[in-house]
Amino acid sequence: LTEFFAKCAPSLVAMEACGSAHHWARTIRSLGHQ
């Protein structure tokens, strides 16, 4: 998953606020996405 978003163009990634959501939100933001 991290590799996939690292190769993606900057995007707005939407998720449900559930288990592990905050971790993935921080990870995705560090890769240049919102």
PDB file of all heavy atoms in Angstrom:
ATOM      1  N   LEU A   1       0.815  -1.214   0.000  1.00  0.00           N
ATOM      2  CA  LEU A   1       0.000   0.000   0.000  1.00  0.00           C
ATOM      3  C   LEU A   1       0.857   1.275   0.000  1.00  0.00           C
ATOM      4  O   LEU A   1       0.595   2.211  -0.760  1.00  0.00           O
ATOM      5  CB  LEU A   1      -0.940  -0.002   1.212  1.00  0.00           C
ATOM      6  CG  LEU A   1      -2.018   1.092   1.205  1.00  0.00           C
ATOM      7  CD1 LEU A   1      -2.980   0.872   0.036  1.00  0.00           C
ATOM      8  CD2 LEU A   1      -2.786   1.115   2.526  1.00  0.00           C
ATOM      9  N   THR A   2       1.888   1.303   0.836  1.00  0.00           N
ATOM     10  CA  THR A   2       2.762   2.482   0.879  1.00  0.00           C
ATOM     11  C   THR A   2       3.447   2.697  -0.467  1.00  0.00           C
ATOM     12  O   THR A   2       3.544   3.834  -0.963  1.00  0.00           O
ATOM     13  CB  THR A   2       3.809   2.323   1.992  1.00  0.00           C
ATOM     14  OG1 THR A   2       3.151   2.123   3.243  1.00  0.00           O
ATOM     15  CG2 THR A   2       4.686   3.562   2.094  1.00  0.00           C
ATOM     16  N   GLU A   3       3.899   1.607  -1.070  1.00  0.00           N
ATOM     17  CA  GLU A   3       4.540   1.706  -2.379  1.00  0.00           C
ATOM     18  C   GLU A   3       3.565   2.223  -3.435  1.00  0.00           C
ATOM     19  O   GLU A   3       3.945   3.028  -4.302  1.00  0.00           O
ATOM     20  CB  GLU A   3       5.073   0.332  -2.782  1.00  0.00           C
ATOM     21  CG  GLU A   3       5.761   0.288  -4.131  1.00  0.00           C
ATOM     22  CD  GLU A   3       6.178  -1.127  -4.517  1.00  0.00           C
ATOM     23  OE1 GLU A   3       6.181  -2.010  -3.635  1.00  0.00           O
ATOM     24  OE2 GLU A   3       6.483  -1.338  -5.708  1.00  0.00           O
ATOM     25  N   PHE A   4       2.300   1.799  -3.357  1.00  0.00           N
ATOM     26  CA  PHE A   4       1.294   2.232  -4.326  1.00  0.00           C
ATOM     27  C   PHE A   4       1.110   3.751  -4.261  1.00  0.00           C
ATOM     28  O   PHE A   4       1.121   4.441  -5.289  1.00  0.00           O
ATOM     29  CB  PHE A   4      -0.026   1.518  -4.057  1.00  0.00           C
ATOM     30  CG  PHE A   4      -1.177   2.031  -4.874  1.00  0.00           C
ATOM     31  CD1 PHE A   4      -1.387   1.583  -6.168  1.00  0.00           C
ATOM     32  CD2 PHE A   4      -2.046   2.987  -4.351  1.00  0.00           C
ATOM     33  CE1 PHE A   4      -2.452   2.074  -6.931  1.00  0.00           C
ATOM     34  CE2 PHE A   4      -3.100   3.478  -5.094  1.00  0.00           C
ATOM     35  CZ  PHE A   4      -3.300   3.018  -6.395  1.00  0.00           C
ATOM     36  N   PHE A   5       0.946   4.288  -3.040  1.00  0.00           N
ATOM     37  CA  PHE A   5       0.711   5.726  -2.910  1.00  0.00           C
ATOM     38  C   PHE A   5       1.980   6.537  -3.178  1.00  0.00           C
ATOM     39  O   PHE A   5       1.894   7.702  -3.560  1.00  0.00           O
ATOM     40  CB  PHE A   5       0.139   6.046  -1.529  1.00  0.00           C
ATOM     41  CG  PHE A   5      -1.325   5.738  -1.394  1.00  0.00           C
ATOM     42  CD1 PHE A   5      -1.766   4.702  -0.590  1.00  0.00           C
ATOM     43  CD2 PHE A   5      -2.263   6.470  -2.087  1.00  0.00           C
ATOM     44  CE1 PHE A   5      -3.118   4.408  -0.474  1.00  0.00           C
ATOM     45  CE2 PHE A   5      -3.619   6.191  -1.980  1.00  0.00           C
ATOM     46  CZ  PHE A   5      -4.040   5.153  -1.176  1.00  0.00           C
ATOM     47  N   ALA A   6       3.145   5.931  -2.982  1.00  0.00           N
ATOM     48  CA  ALA A   6       4.389   6.633  -3.289  1.00  0.00           C
ATOM     49  C   ALA A   6       4.522   6.902  -4.792  1.00  0.00           C
ATOM     50  O   ALA A   6       5.140   7.887  -5.211  1.00  0.00           O
ATOM     51  CB  ALA A   6       5.580   5.822  -2.792  1.00  0.00           C
ATOM     52  N   LYS A   7       3.922   6.035  -5.613  1.00  0.00           N
ATOM     53  CA  LYS A   7       3.992   6.170  -7.070  1.00  0.00           C
ATOM     54  C   LYS A   7       2.821   6.983  -7.631  1.00  0.00           C
ATOM     55  O   LYS A   7       2.848   7.372  -8.799  1.00  0.00           O
ATOM     56  CB  LYS A   7       4.016   4.787  -7.723  1.00  0.00           C
ATOM     57  CG  LYS A   7       5.264   3.974  -7.381  1.00  0.00           C
ATOM     58  CD  LYS A   7       5.203   2.603  -8.020  1.00  0.00           C
ATOM     59  CE  LYS A   7       6.435   1.774  -7.687  1.00  0.00           C
ATOM     60  NZ  LYS A   7       6.367   0.418  -8.290  1.00  0.00           N
ATOM     61  N   CYS A   8       1.786   7.219  -6.816  1.00  0.00           N
ATOM     62  CA  CYS A   8       0.588   7.935  -7.285  1.00  0.00           C
ATOM     63  C   CYS A   8       0.846   9.443  -7.380  1.00  0.00           C
ATOM     64  O   CYS A   8       1.644   9.998  -6.625  1.00  0.00           O
ATOM     65  CB  CYS A   8      -0.578   7.707  -6.321  1.00  0.00           C
ATOM     66  SG  CYS A   8      -1.543   6.248  -6.696  1.00  0.00           S
ATOM     67  N   ALA A   9       0.140  10.084  -8.284  1.00  0.00           N
ATOM     68  CA  ALA A   9       0.149  11.548  -8.326  1.00  0.00           C
ATOM     69  C   ALA A   9      -0.575  12.069  -7.088  1.00  0.00           C
ATOM     70  O   ALA A   9      -1.416  11.367  -6.516  1.00  0.00           O
ATOM     71  CB  ALA A   9      -0.547  12.028  -9.596  1.00  0.00           C
ATOM     72  N   PRO A  10      -0.246  13.289  -6.632  1.00  0.00           N
ATOM     73  CA  PRO A  10      -0.908  13.842  -5.441  1.00  0.00           C
ATOM     74  C   PRO A  10      -2.432  13.750  -5.538  1.00  0.00           C
ATOM     75  O   PRO A  10      -3.035  14.165  -6.534  1.00  0.00           O
ATOM     76  CB  PRO A  10      -0.442  15.305  -5.428  1.00  0.00           C
ATOM     77  CG  PRO A  10       0.881  15.263  -6.120  1.00  0.00           C
ATOM     78  CD  PRO A  10       0.747  14.212  -7.198  1.00  0.00           C
ATOM     79  N   SER A  11      -3.051  13.177  -4.514  1.00  0.00           N
ATOM     80  CA  SER A  11      -4.490  12.924  -4.518  1.00  0.00           C
ATOM     81  C   SER A  11      -5.066  13.213  -3.147  1.00  0.00           C
ATOM     82  O   SER A  11      -4.346  13.362  -2.157  1.00  0.00           O
ATOM     83  CB  SER A  11      -4.787  11.472  -4.910  1.00  0.00           C
ATOM     84  OG  SER A  11      -4.175  11.130  -6.130  1.00  0.00           O
ATOM     85  N   LEU A  12      -6.400  13.269  -3.115  1.00  0.00           N
ATOM     86  CA  LEU A  12      -7.121  13.342  -1.841  1.00  0.00           C
ATOM     87  C   LEU A  12      -7.592  11.929  -1.520  1.00  0.00           C
ATOM     88  O   LEU A  12      -8.455  11.382  -2.210  1.00  0.00           O
ATOM     89  CB  LEU A  12      -8.313  14.289  -1.945  1.00  0.00           C
ATOM     90  CG  LEU A  12      -9.257  14.311  -0.731  1.00  0.00           C
ATOM     91  CD1 LEU A  12      -8.529  14.796   0.516  1.00  0.00           C
ATOM     92  CD2 LEU A  12     -10.467  15.189  -1.004  1.00  0.00           C
ATOM     93  N   VAL A  13      -6.996  11.329  -0.489  1.00  0.00           N
ATOM     94  CA  VAL A  13      -7.310   9.949  -0.117  1.00  0.00           C
ATOM     95  C   VAL A  13      -8.303   9.981   1.040  1.00  0.00           C
ATOM     96  O   VAL A  13      -7.993  10.497   2.120  1.00  0.00           O
ATOM     97  CB  VAL A  13      -6.041   9.172   0.283  1.00  0.00           C
ATOM     98  CG1 VAL A  13      -6.391   7.717   0.592  1.00  0.00           C
ATOM     99  CG2 VAL A  13      -4.992   9.250  -0.824  1.00  0.00           C
ATOM    100  N   ALA A  14      -9.487   9.437   0.803  1.00  0.00           N
ATOM    101  CA  ALA A  14     -10.545   9.448   1.810  1.00  0.00           C
ATOM    102  C   ALA A  14     -10.683   8.069   2.440  1.00  0.00           C
ATOM    103  O   ALA A  14     -10.597   7.046   1.750  1.00  0.00           O
ATOM    104  CB  ALA A  14     -11.872   9.861   1.177  1.00  0.00           C
ATOM    105  N   MET A  15     -10.871   8.059   3.767  1.00  0.00           N
ATOM    106  CA  MET A  15     -11.025   6.807   4.521  1.00  0.00           C
ATOM    107  C   MET A  15     -12.069   6.998   5.603  1.00  0.00           C
ATOM    108  O   MET A  15     -12.354   8.137   6.011  1.00  0.00           O
ATOM    109  CB  MET A  15      -9.696   6.418   5.193  1.00  0.00           C
ATOM    110  CG  MET A  15      -8.548   6.155   4.255  1.00  0.00           C
ATOM    111  SD  MET A  15      -6.950   6.169   5.120  1.00  0.00           S
ATOM    112  CE  MET A  15      -6.630   7.930   5.172  1.00  0.00           C
ATOM    113  N   GLU A  16     -12.627   5.901   6.061  1.00  0.00           N
ATOM    114  CA  GLU A  16     -13.476   5.952   7.244  1.00  0.00           C
ATOM    115  C   GLU A  16     -12.600   6.089   8.477  1.00  0.00           C
ATOM    116  O   GLU A  16     -11.503   5.530   8.534  1.00  0.00           O
ATOM    117  CB  GLU A  16     -14.330   4.691   7.364  1.00  0.00           C
ATOM    118  CG  GLU A  16     -15.492   4.626   6.394  1.00  0.00           C
ATOM    119  CD  GLU A  16     -16.367   3.405   6.618  1.00  0.00           C
ATOM    120  OE1 GLU A  16     -15.846   2.378   7.099  1.00  0.00           O
ATOM    121  OE2 GLU A  16     -17.569   3.478   6.323  1.00  0.00           O
ATOM    122  N   ALA A  17     -13.078   6.835   9.474  1.00  0.00           N
ATOM    123  CA  ALA A  17     -12.339   6.985  10.733  1.00  0.00           C
ATOM    124  C   ALA A  17     -12.567   5.735  11.581  1.00  0.00           C
ATOM    125  O   ALA A  17     -13.475   5.669  12.401  1.00  0.00           O
ATOM    126  CB  ALA A  17     -12.808   8.234  11.468  1.00  0.00           C
ATOM    127  N   CYS A  18     -11.738   4.728  11.346  1.00  0.00           N
ATOM    128  CA  CYS A  18     -11.876   3.460  12.051  1.00  0.00           C
ATOM    129  C   CYS A  18     -10.489   3.025  12.529  1.00  0.00           C
ATOM    130  O   CYS A  18      -9.543   3.811  12.533  1.00  0.00           O
ATOM    131  CB  CYS A  18     -12.497   2.415  11.128  1.00  0.00           C
ATOM    132  SG  CYS A  18     -11.557   2.145   9.618  1.00  0.00           S
ATOM    133  N   GLY A  19     -10.355   1.768  12.936  1.00  0.00           N
ATOM    134  CA  GLY A  19      -9.082   1.267  13.415  1.00  0.00           C
ATOM    135  C   GLY A  19      -7.970   1.420  12.389  1.00  0.00           C
ATOM    136  O   GLY A  19      -8.147   1.064  11.227  1.00  0.00           O
ATOM    137  N   SER A  20      -6.836   1.959  12.825  1.00  0.00           N
ATOM    138  CA  SER A  20      -5.622   2.204  12.030  1.00  0.00           C
ATOM    139  C   SER A  20      -5.765   3.361  11.047  1.00  0.00           C
ATOM    140  O   SER A  20      -4.827   3.664  10.301  1.00  0.00           O
ATOM    141  CB  SER A  20      -5.183   0.939  11.268  1.00  0.00           C
ATOM    142  OG  SER A  20      -5.984   0.695  10.121  1.00  0.00           O
ATOM    143  N   ALA A  21      -6.910   4.049  11.025  1.00  0.00           N
ATOM    144  CA  ALA A  21      -7.129   5.132  10.061  1.00  0.00           C
ATOM    145  C   ALA A  21      -6.154   6.293  10.277  1.00  0.00           C
ATOM    146  O   ALA A  21      -5.616   6.854   9.316  1.00  0.00           O
ATOM    147  CB  ALA A  21      -8.571   5.636  10.153  1.00  0.00           C
ATOM    148  N   HIS A  22      -5.906   6.651  11.525  1.00  0.00           N
ATOM    149  CA  HIS A  22      -5.010   7.773  11.797  1.00  0.00           C
ATOM    150  C   HIS A  22      -3.578   7.430  11.385  1.00  0.00           C
ATOM    151  O   HIS A  22      -2.842   8.286  10.874  1.00  0.00           O
ATOM    152  CB  HIS A  22      -5.071   8.158  13.277  1.00  0.00           C
ATOM    153  CG  HIS A  22      -6.384   8.740  13.684  1.00  0.00           C
ATOM    154  ND1 HIS A  22      -6.698  10.069  13.511  1.00  0.00           N
ATOM    155  CD2 HIS A  22      -7.483   8.162  14.247  1.00  0.00           C
ATOM    156  CE1 HIS A  22      -7.920  10.301  13.964  1.00  0.00           C
ATOM    157  NE2 HIS A  22      -8.412   9.159  14.413  1.00  0.00           N
ATOM    158  N   HIS A  23      -3.173   6.187  11.591  1.00  0.00           N
ATOM    159  CA  HIS A  23      -1.831   5.762  11.169  1.00  0.00           C
ATOM    160  C   HIS A  23      -1.679   5.883   9.663  1.00  0.00           C
ATOM    161  O   HIS A  23      -0.690   6.448   9.166  1.00  0.00           O
ATOM    162  CB  HIS A  23      -1.591   4.317  11.605  1.00  0.00           C
ATOM    163  CG  HIS A  23      -0.466   3.650  10.864  1.00  0.00           C
ATOM    164  ND1 HIS A  23       0.860   3.959  11.078  1.00  0.00           N
ATOM    165  CD2 HIS A  23      -0.488   2.704   9.873  1.00  0.00           C
ATOM    166  CE1 HIS A  23       1.615   3.234  10.270  1.00  0.00           C
ATOM    167  NE2 HIS A  23       0.831   2.469   9.537  1.00  0.00           N
ATOM    168  N   TRP A  24      -2.654   5.373   8.925  1.00  0.00           N
ATOM    169  CA  TRP A  24      -2.561   5.423   7.463  1.00  0.00           C
ATOM    170  C   TRP A  24      -2.696   6.856   6.956  1.00  0.00           C
ATOM    171  O   TRP A  24      -2.067   7.229   5.949  1.00  0.00           O
ATOM    172  CB  TRP A  24      -3.621   4.515   6.836  1.00  0.00           C
ATOM    173  CG  TRP A  24      -3.267   3.067   6.951  1.00  0.00           C
ATOM    174  CD1 TRP A  24      -3.912   2.107   7.684  1.00  0.00           C
ATOM    175  CD2 TRP A  24      -2.157   2.411   6.333  1.00  0.00           C
ATOM    176  NE1 TRP A  24      -3.293   0.905   7.568  1.00  0.00           N
ATOM    177  CE2 TRP A  24      -2.203   1.045   6.732  1.00  0.00           C
ATOM    178  CE3 TRP A  24      -1.136   2.821   5.494  1.00  0.00           C
ATOM    179  CZ2 TRP A  24      -1.262   0.108   6.309  1.00  0.00           C
ATOM    180  CZ3 TRP A  24      -0.192   1.889   5.074  1.00  0.00           C
ATOM    181  CH2 TRP A  24      -0.259   0.559   5.481  1.00  0.00           C
ATOM    182  N   ALA A  25      -3.469   7.677   7.637  1.00  0.00           N
ATOM    183  CA  ALA A  25      -3.585   9.084   7.223  1.00  0.00           C
ATOM    184  C   ALA A  25      -2.235   9.792   7.362  1.00  0.00           C
ATOM    185  O   ALA A  25      -1.832  10.559   6.482  1.00  0.00           O
ATOM    186  CB  ALA A  25      -4.651   9.783   8.061  1.00  0.00           C
ATOM    187  N   ARG A  26      -1.546   9.537   8.470  1.00  0.00           N
ATOM    188  CA  ARG A  26      -0.220  10.147   8.645  1.00  0.00           C
ATOM    189  C   ARG A  26       0.768   9.634   7.598  1.00  0.00           C
ATOM    190  O   ARG A  26       1.568  10.400   7.036  1.00  0.00           O
ATOM    191  CB  ARG A  26       0.306   9.852  10.061  1.00  0.00           C
ATOM    192  CG  ARG A  26      -0.454  10.552  11.172  1.00  0.00           C
ATOM    193  CD  ARG A  26       0.305  10.446  12.492  1.00  0.00           C
ATOM    194  NE  ARG A  26       0.439   9.066  12.950  1.00  0.00           N
ATOM    195  CZ  ARG A  26      -0.399   8.468  13.781  1.00  0.00           C
ATOM    196  NH1 ARG A  26      -1.452   9.124  14.255  1.00  0.00           N
ATOM    197  NH2 ARG A  26      -0.205   7.212  14.161  1.00  0.00           N
ATOM    198  N   THR A  27       0.711   8.333   7.320  1.00  0.00           N
ATOM    199  CA  THR A  27       1.613   7.741   6.327  1.00  0.00           C
ATOM    200  C   THR A  27       1.359   8.317   4.942  1.00  0.00           C
ATOM    201  O   THR A  27       2.291   8.681   4.210  1.00  0.00           O
ATOM    202  CB  THR A  27       1.437   6.211   6.295  1.00  0.00           C
ATOM    203  OG1 THR A  27       1.702   5.679   7.599  1.00  0.00           O
ATOM    204  CG2 THR A  27       2.370   5.573   5.278  1.00  0.00           C
ATOM    205  N   ILE A  28       0.087   8.412   4.570  1.00  0.00           N
ATOM    206  CA  ILE A  28      -0.284   8.924   3.239  1.00  0.00           C
ATOM    207  C   ILE A  28       0.091  10.387   3.096  1.00  0.00           C
ATOM    208  O   ILE A  28       0.566  10.824   2.052  1.00  0.00           O
ATOM    209  CB  ILE A  28      -1.788   8.682   2.999  1.00  0.00           C
ATOM    210  CG1 ILE A  28      -2.043   7.182   2.787  1.00  0.00           C
ATOM    211  CG2 ILE A  28      -2.299   9.484   1.814  1.00  0.00           C
ATOM    212  CD1 ILE A  28      -3.504   6.787   2.819  1.00  0.00           C
ATOM    213  N   ARG A  29      -0.085  11.169   4.161  1.00  0.00           N
ATOM    214  CA  ARG A  29       0.317  12.574   4.116  1.00  0.00           C
ATOM    215  C   ARG A  29       1.825  12.714   3.922  1.00  0.00           C
ATOM    216  O   ARG A  29       2.288  13.625   3.229  1.00  0.00           O
ATOM    217  CB  ARG A  29      -0.117  13.278   5.401  1.00  0.00           C
ATOM    218  CG  ARG A  29      -1.589  13.625   5.441  1.00  0.00           C
ATOM    219  CD  ARG A  29      -1.938  14.379   6.716  1.00  0.00           C
ATOM    220  NE  ARG A  29      -3.320  14.859   6.703  1.00  0.00           N
ATOM    221  CZ  ARG A  29      -3.878  15.545   7.682  1.00  0.00           C
ATOM    222  NH1 ARG A  29      -3.184  15.846   8.764  1.00  0.00           N
ATOM    223  NH2 ARG A  29      -5.142  15.951   7.590  1.00  0.00           N
ATOM    224  N   SER A  30       2.596  11.834   4.543  1.00  0.00           N
ATOM    225  CA  SER A  30       4.056  11.910   4.407  1.00  0.00           C
ATOM    226  C   SER A  30       4.513  11.611   2.988  1.00  0.00           C
ATOM    227  O   SER A  30       5.648  11.935   2.616  1.00  0.00           O
ATOM    228  CB  SER A  30       4.719  10.924   5.379  1.00  0.00           C
ATOM    229  OG  SER A  30       4.463   9.577   4.998  1.00  0.00           O
ATOM    230  N   LEU A  31       3.637  11.002   2.172  1.00  0.00           N
ATOM    231  CA  LEU A  31       3.964  10.672   0.785  1.00  0.00           C
ATOM    232  C   LEU A  31       3.500  11.760  -0.188  1.00  0.00           C
ATOM    233  O   LEU A  31       3.557  11.562  -1.402  1.00  0.00           O
ATOM    234  CB  LEU A  31       3.331   9.330   0.408  1.00  0.00           C
ATOM    235  CG  LEU A  31       3.836   8.115   1.210  1.00  0.00           C
ATOM    236  CD1 LEU A  31       3.013   6.879   0.881  1.00  0.00           C
ATOM    237  CD2 LEU A  31       5.309   7.860   0.942  1.00  0.00           C
ATOM    238  N   GLY A  32       3.019  12.880   0.342  1.00  0.00           N
ATOM    239  CA  GLY A  32       2.651  14.006  -0.508  1.00  0.00           C
ATOM    240  C   GLY A  32       1.187  14.091  -0.879  1.00  0.00           C
ATOM    241  O   GLY A  32       0.807  14.922  -1.712  1.00  0.00           O
ATOM    242  N   HIS A  33       0.343  13.265  -0.270  1.00  0.00           N
ATOM    243  CA  HIS A  33      -1.093  13.291  -0.552  1.00  0.00           C
ATOM    244  C   HIS A  33      -1.830  14.030   0.560  1.00  0.00           C
ATOM    245  O   HIS A  33      -1.262  14.340   1.613  1.00  0.00           O
ATOM    246  CB  HIS A  33      -1.639  11.863  -0.674  1.00  0.00           C
ATOM    247  CG  HIS A  33      -0.962  11.041  -1.719  1.00  0.00           C
ATOM    248  ND1 HIS A  33      -1.293  11.106  -3.058  1.00  0.00           N
ATOM    249  CD2 HIS A  33       0.045  10.130  -1.624  1.00  0.00           C
ATOM    250  CE1 HIS A  33      -0.535  10.267  -3.745  1.00  0.00           C
ATOM    251  NE2 HIS A  33       0.282   9.667  -2.902  1.00  0.00           N
ATOM    252  N   GLN A  34      -3.101  14.275   0.337  1.00  0.00           N
ATOM    253  CA  GLN A  34      -3.989  14.800   1.364  1.00  0.00           C
ATOM    254  C   GLN A  34      -4.857  13.646   1.864  1.00  0.00           C
ATOM    255  O   GLN A  34      -5.337  12.836   1.069  1.00  0.00           O
ATOM    256  CB  GLN A  34      -4.870  15.919   0.816  1.00  0.00           C
ATOM    257  CG  GLN A  34      -4.108  17.155   0.359  1.00  0.00           C
ATOM    258  CD  GLN A  34      -3.375  17.818   1.494  1.00  0.00           C
ATOM    259  OE1 GLN A  34      -3.939  18.063   2.558  1.00  0.00           O
ATOM    260  NE2 GLN A  34      -2.103  18.113   1.278  1.00  0.00           N
TER     261      GLN A  34
END
